[in-house]
């Protein structure tokens, strides 16, 4: 068991190096302010969980690493990134490839495996960068299916879009949502309802974060 843990830790050496190297510059440049929806949301995330957030730009994975700094995260990203000249980097930091147009079973199984193994998987359910000035797009229901099958909670995070270049980064973390309980026994209708609920939670975080920084 110790050998297995040691091997797993060694595979994250590059990930930890990148994270540690970028930590200080990120804190200085972004000046992050992390808010919590309630006391339940303030509790540290332990074990497997699916972290979701609105998608406002290319730095969003960095923002989530800042928000949940104490956990390693496996980001779900487009398979095209793995096919680019930077493919080695995405593999080295343990990202999970996915085809946005045709989500394959291999990707789904890989995400579920990570969740069941106690990993923190992070993704952006809008499916692509949304530049609609803070308006949330529809959420892909596949995330609910994966979380429900793994039996792990979904944790929503809202990233406030910046209005000015040097504006402070502000994020709000919501409490965990048990999508398996919500979707149980209702088939795809339950999955869709859970996806709508998660989008609603994101909208609530958006409203609360707006009031908190006024």
Protein backbone atom coordinates (compact mmCIF):
# COMPACT_ATOMS: atom_id res chain seq x y z
CA UNK A 1 0.00 0.00 0.00
CA UNK A 2 2.80 2.42 0.88
CA UNK A 3 4.53 1.61 -2.43
CA UNK A 4 1.31 2.41 -4.30
CA UNK A 5 0.94 5.74 -2.51
CA UNK A 6 4.59 6.53 -3.11
CA UNK A 7 4.24 5.79 -6.81
CA UNK A 8 1.15 7.94 -7.09
CA UNK A 9 2.84 10.84 -5.30
CA UNK A 10 5.91 10.65 -7.53
CA UNK A 11 3.71 10.92 -10.64
CA UNK A 12 2.57 14.32 -9.39
CA UNK A 13 6.06 15.78 -9.00
CA UNK A 14 5.76 17.93 -12.14
CA UNK A 15 2.22 19.00 -11.21
CA UNK A 16 3.38 20.05 -7.74
CA UNK A 17 6.38 21.88 -9.21
CA UNK A 18 4.21 23.88 -11.61
CA UNK A 19 1.71 24.68 -8.87
CA UNK A 20 4.38 25.79 -6.39
CA UNK A 21 6.23 27.85 -8.99
CA UNK A 22 3.09 29.69 -10.09
CA UNK A 23 1.68 30.19 -6.57
CA UNK A 24 3.45 33.40 -5.54
CA UNK A 25 3.14 35.21 -8.90
CA UNK A 26 -0.52 34.18 -9.06
CA UNK A 27 -1.29 35.48 -5.58
CA UNK A 28 0.45 38.78 -6.32
CA UNK A 29 -1.11 39.30 -9.75
CA UNK A 30 -4.68 38.09 -9.10
CA UNK A 31 -4.96 39.15 -5.41
CA UNK A 32 -7.65 36.47 -4.92
CA UNK A 33 -10.60 36.86 -2.58
CA UNK A 34 -12.34 33.56 -1.80
CA UNK A 35 -15.89 33.74 -0.46
CA UNK A 36 -18.11 30.92 0.81
CA UNK A 37 -21.87 30.54 0.46
CA UNK A 38 -22.22 29.20 4.01
CA UNK A 39 -20.36 27.29 6.71
CA UNK A 40 -20.89 23.98 4.91
CA UNK A 41 -19.17 25.40 1.85
CA UNK A 42 -16.27 26.57 4.01
CA UNK A 43 -15.35 23.00 4.98
CA UNK A 44 -12.35 21.56 3.16
CA UNK A 45 -13.11 19.20 0.30
CA UNK A 46 -12.09 15.69 1.22
CA UNK A 47 -12.21 12.56 -0.91
CA UNK A 48 -13.61 12.31 -4.41
CA UNK A 49 -15.64 15.24 -5.68
CA UNK A 50 -16.50 17.00 -8.92
CA UNK A 51 -15.66 20.71 -8.89
CA UNK A 52 -17.54 22.80 -11.46
CA UNK A 53 -17.34 26.47 -12.38
CA UNK A 54 -18.45 28.98 -14.98
CA UNK A 55 -15.99 29.35 -17.84
CA UNK A 56 -14.85 32.93 -18.45
CA UNK A 57 -11.34 32.49 -19.85
CA UNK A 58 -8.16 30.47 -20.28
CA UNK A 59 -6.98 31.22 -16.73
CA UNK A 60 -9.99 29.50 -15.13
CA UNK A 61 -8.04 26.31 -14.20
CA UNK A 62 -5.48 28.52 -12.45
CA UNK A 63 -8.29 30.27 -10.58
CA UNK A 64 -9.71 26.96 -9.37
CA UNK A 65 -6.26 25.84 -8.24
CA UNK A 66 -6.11 29.02 -6.16
CA UNK A 67 -9.64 28.53 -4.79
CA UNK A 68 -8.93 24.95 -3.69
CA UNK A 69 -5.19 25.29 -3.15
CA UNK A 70 -4.90 22.33 -0.77
CA UNK A 71 -5.98 19.68 -3.31
CA UNK A 72 -4.53 18.35 -6.54
CA UNK A 73 -7.04 18.68 -9.33
CA UNK A 74 -7.60 16.67 -12.50
CA UNK A 75 -8.96 19.09 -15.09
CA UNK A 76 -11.20 17.87 -17.88
CA UNK A 77 -10.11 19.55 -21.11
CA UNK A 78 -10.59 19.21 -24.85
CA UNK A 79 -8.74 16.37 -26.52
CA UNK A 80 -7.45 18.86 -29.12
CA UNK A 81 -5.12 20.23 -26.45
CA UNK A 82 -3.52 16.81 -26.14
CA UNK A 83 -2.97 16.71 -29.89
CA UNK A 84 -1.17 20.07 -29.93
CA UNK A 85 2.51 20.78 -29.32
CA UNK A 86 1.56 21.32 -25.65
CA UNK A 87 0.09 17.85 -25.32
CA UNK A 88 2.97 16.70 -23.12
CA UNK A 89 2.14 19.43 -20.60
CA UNK A 90 -1.52 18.48 -20.26
CA UNK A 91 -0.54 14.85 -19.75
CA UNK A 92 2.13 15.79 -17.20
CA UNK A 93 -0.35 17.73 -15.06
CA UNK A 94 -2.86 14.85 -15.19
CA UNK A 95 -5.60 16.46 -17.26
CA UNK A 96 -8.37 14.25 -18.63
CA UNK A 97 -9.09 14.55 -22.39
CA UNK A 98 -12.66 14.72 -23.64
CA UNK A 99 -14.30 15.22 -27.03
CA UNK A 100 -16.85 18.00 -26.67
CA UNK A 101 -18.79 16.93 -29.77
CA UNK A 102 -18.73 13.19 -29.09
CA UNK A 103 -18.05 12.27 -25.47
CA UNK A 104 -16.68 8.74 -25.53
CA UNK A 105 -17.12 6.03 -22.91
CA UNK A 106 -13.38 5.98 -22.25
CA UNK A 107 -13.46 9.59 -21.02
CA UNK A 108 -16.54 8.96 -18.91
CA UNK A 109 -15.00 5.85 -17.33
CA UNK A 110 -11.75 7.71 -16.67
CA UNK A 111 -13.54 10.54 -14.85
CA UNK A 112 -15.64 8.11 -12.81
CA UNK A 113 -12.50 6.13 -11.94
CA UNK A 114 -10.78 9.24 -10.64
CA UNK A 115 -13.80 10.22 -8.58
CA UNK A 116 -14.13 6.76 -7.05
CA UNK A 117 -10.41 6.77 -6.27
CA UNK A 118 -10.89 9.87 -4.15
CA UNK A 119 -9.53 12.43 -6.64
CA UNK A 120 -10.83 15.94 -7.19
CA UNK A 121 -11.96 16.32 -10.81
CA UNK A 122 -12.59 19.85 -12.11
CA UNK A 123 -14.56 20.83 -15.19
CA UNK A 124 -16.54 23.64 -16.81
CA UNK A 125 -20.07 22.40 -17.63
CA UNK A 126 -20.81 25.26 -20.04
CA UNK A 127 -18.55 23.34 -22.42
CA UNK A 128 -16.62 26.33 -23.75
CA UNK A 129 -15.51 29.82 -22.76
CA UNK A 130 -18.55 32.02 -22.30
CA UNK A 131 -18.00 35.68 -23.13
CA UNK A 132 -21.63 36.73 -22.60
CA UNK A 133 -20.72 39.23 -19.86
CA UNK A 134 -21.49 36.97 -16.90
CA UNK A 135 -24.59 35.27 -18.34
CA UNK A 136 -24.39 31.52 -17.74
CA UNK A 137 -24.89 29.18 -20.69
CA UNK A 138 -26.71 25.87 -20.34
CA UNK A 139 -24.92 23.12 -18.41
CA UNK A 140 -24.00 19.80 -20.01
CA UNK A 141 -25.86 17.01 -18.21
CA UNK A 142 -23.00 14.53 -18.64
CA UNK A 143 -21.29 15.86 -15.51
CA UNK A 144 -24.31 14.85 -13.44
CA UNK A 145 -24.29 11.34 -14.87
CA UNK A 146 -20.60 10.90 -14.00
CA UNK A 147 -20.98 12.29 -10.49
CA UNK A 148 -24.12 10.21 -9.85
CA UNK A 149 -22.49 6.98 -11.03
CA UNK A 150 -19.46 7.63 -8.84
CA UNK A 151 -21.61 8.54 -5.85
CA UNK A 152 -19.54 11.68 -5.26
CA UNK A 153 -20.80 15.24 -4.66
CA UNK A 154 -20.65 18.19 -7.05
CA UNK A 155 -19.23 21.44 -5.69
CA UNK A 156 -20.14 24.64 -7.57
CA UNK A 157 -17.78 27.60 -7.80
CA UNK A 158 -18.57 30.96 -9.36
CA UNK A 159 -15.76 33.07 -10.81
CA UNK A 160 -16.66 36.74 -11.10
CA UNK A 161 -15.74 38.07 -14.56
CA UNK A 162 -13.31 40.96 -14.38
CA UNK A 163 -14.50 44.34 -15.65
CA UNK A 164 -11.05 45.88 -15.53
CA UNK A 165 -7.65 44.34 -16.30
CA UNK A 166 -6.18 44.81 -12.84
CA UNK A 167 -9.37 44.10 -10.93
CA UNK A 168 -9.09 41.68 -8.04
CA UNK A 169 -10.05 38.03 -8.62
CA UNK A 170 -13.16 37.12 -6.62
CA UNK A 171 -14.68 33.63 -6.37
CA UNK A 172 -17.43 32.05 -4.30
CA UNK A 173 -17.56 28.37 -3.35
CA UNK A 174 -20.94 26.73 -2.76
CA UNK A 175 -21.84 23.77 -0.62
CA UNK A 176 -21.62 20.20 -2.01
CA UNK A 177 -24.63 18.90 -3.94
CA UNK A 178 -25.56 15.21 -3.78
CA UNK A 179 -26.70 14.73 -7.38
CA UNK A 180 -27.11 10.98 -6.95
CA UNK A 181 -29.91 11.55 -4.45
CA UNK A 182 -31.55 14.13 -6.74
CA UNK A 183 -31.38 12.01 -9.89
CA UNK A 184 -32.15 8.64 -8.29
CA UNK A 185 -34.96 6.65 -9.92
CA UNK A 186 -35.84 9.31 -12.50
CA UNK A 187 -33.69 8.28 -15.45
CA UNK A 188 -32.52 11.00 -17.82
CA UNK A 189 -35.23 13.34 -16.54
CA UNK A 190 -33.59 13.24 -13.12
CA UNK A 191 -30.17 13.86 -14.67
CA UNK A 192 -31.50 16.90 -16.55
CA UNK A 193 -33.19 18.23 -13.42
CA UNK A 194 -29.97 17.89 -11.45
CA UNK A 195 -28.07 19.78 -14.18
CA UNK A 196 -30.66 22.58 -14.01
CA UNK A 197 -30.35 22.66 -10.24
CA UNK A 198 -26.57 23.00 -10.45
CA UNK A 199 -26.93 25.87 -12.91
CA UNK A 200 -29.40 27.47 -10.50
CA UNK A 201 -26.85 27.11 -7.69
CA UNK A 202 -24.29 28.88 -9.90
CA UNK A 203 -26.79 31.68 -10.52
CA UNK A 204 -27.32 32.01 -6.77
CA UNK A 205 -23.56 32.23 -6.20
CA UNK A 206 -23.39 34.89 -8.91
CA UNK A 207 -26.04 36.98 -7.17
CA UNK A 208 -24.45 36.54 -3.76
CA UNK A 209 -20.98 37.39 -4.96
CA UNK A 210 -22.37 40.54 -6.52
CA UNK A 211 -23.87 41.65 -3.21
CA UNK A 212 -20.74 40.71 -1.27
CA UNK A 213 -18.39 42.93 -3.26
CA UNK A 214 -20.68 45.96 -3.62
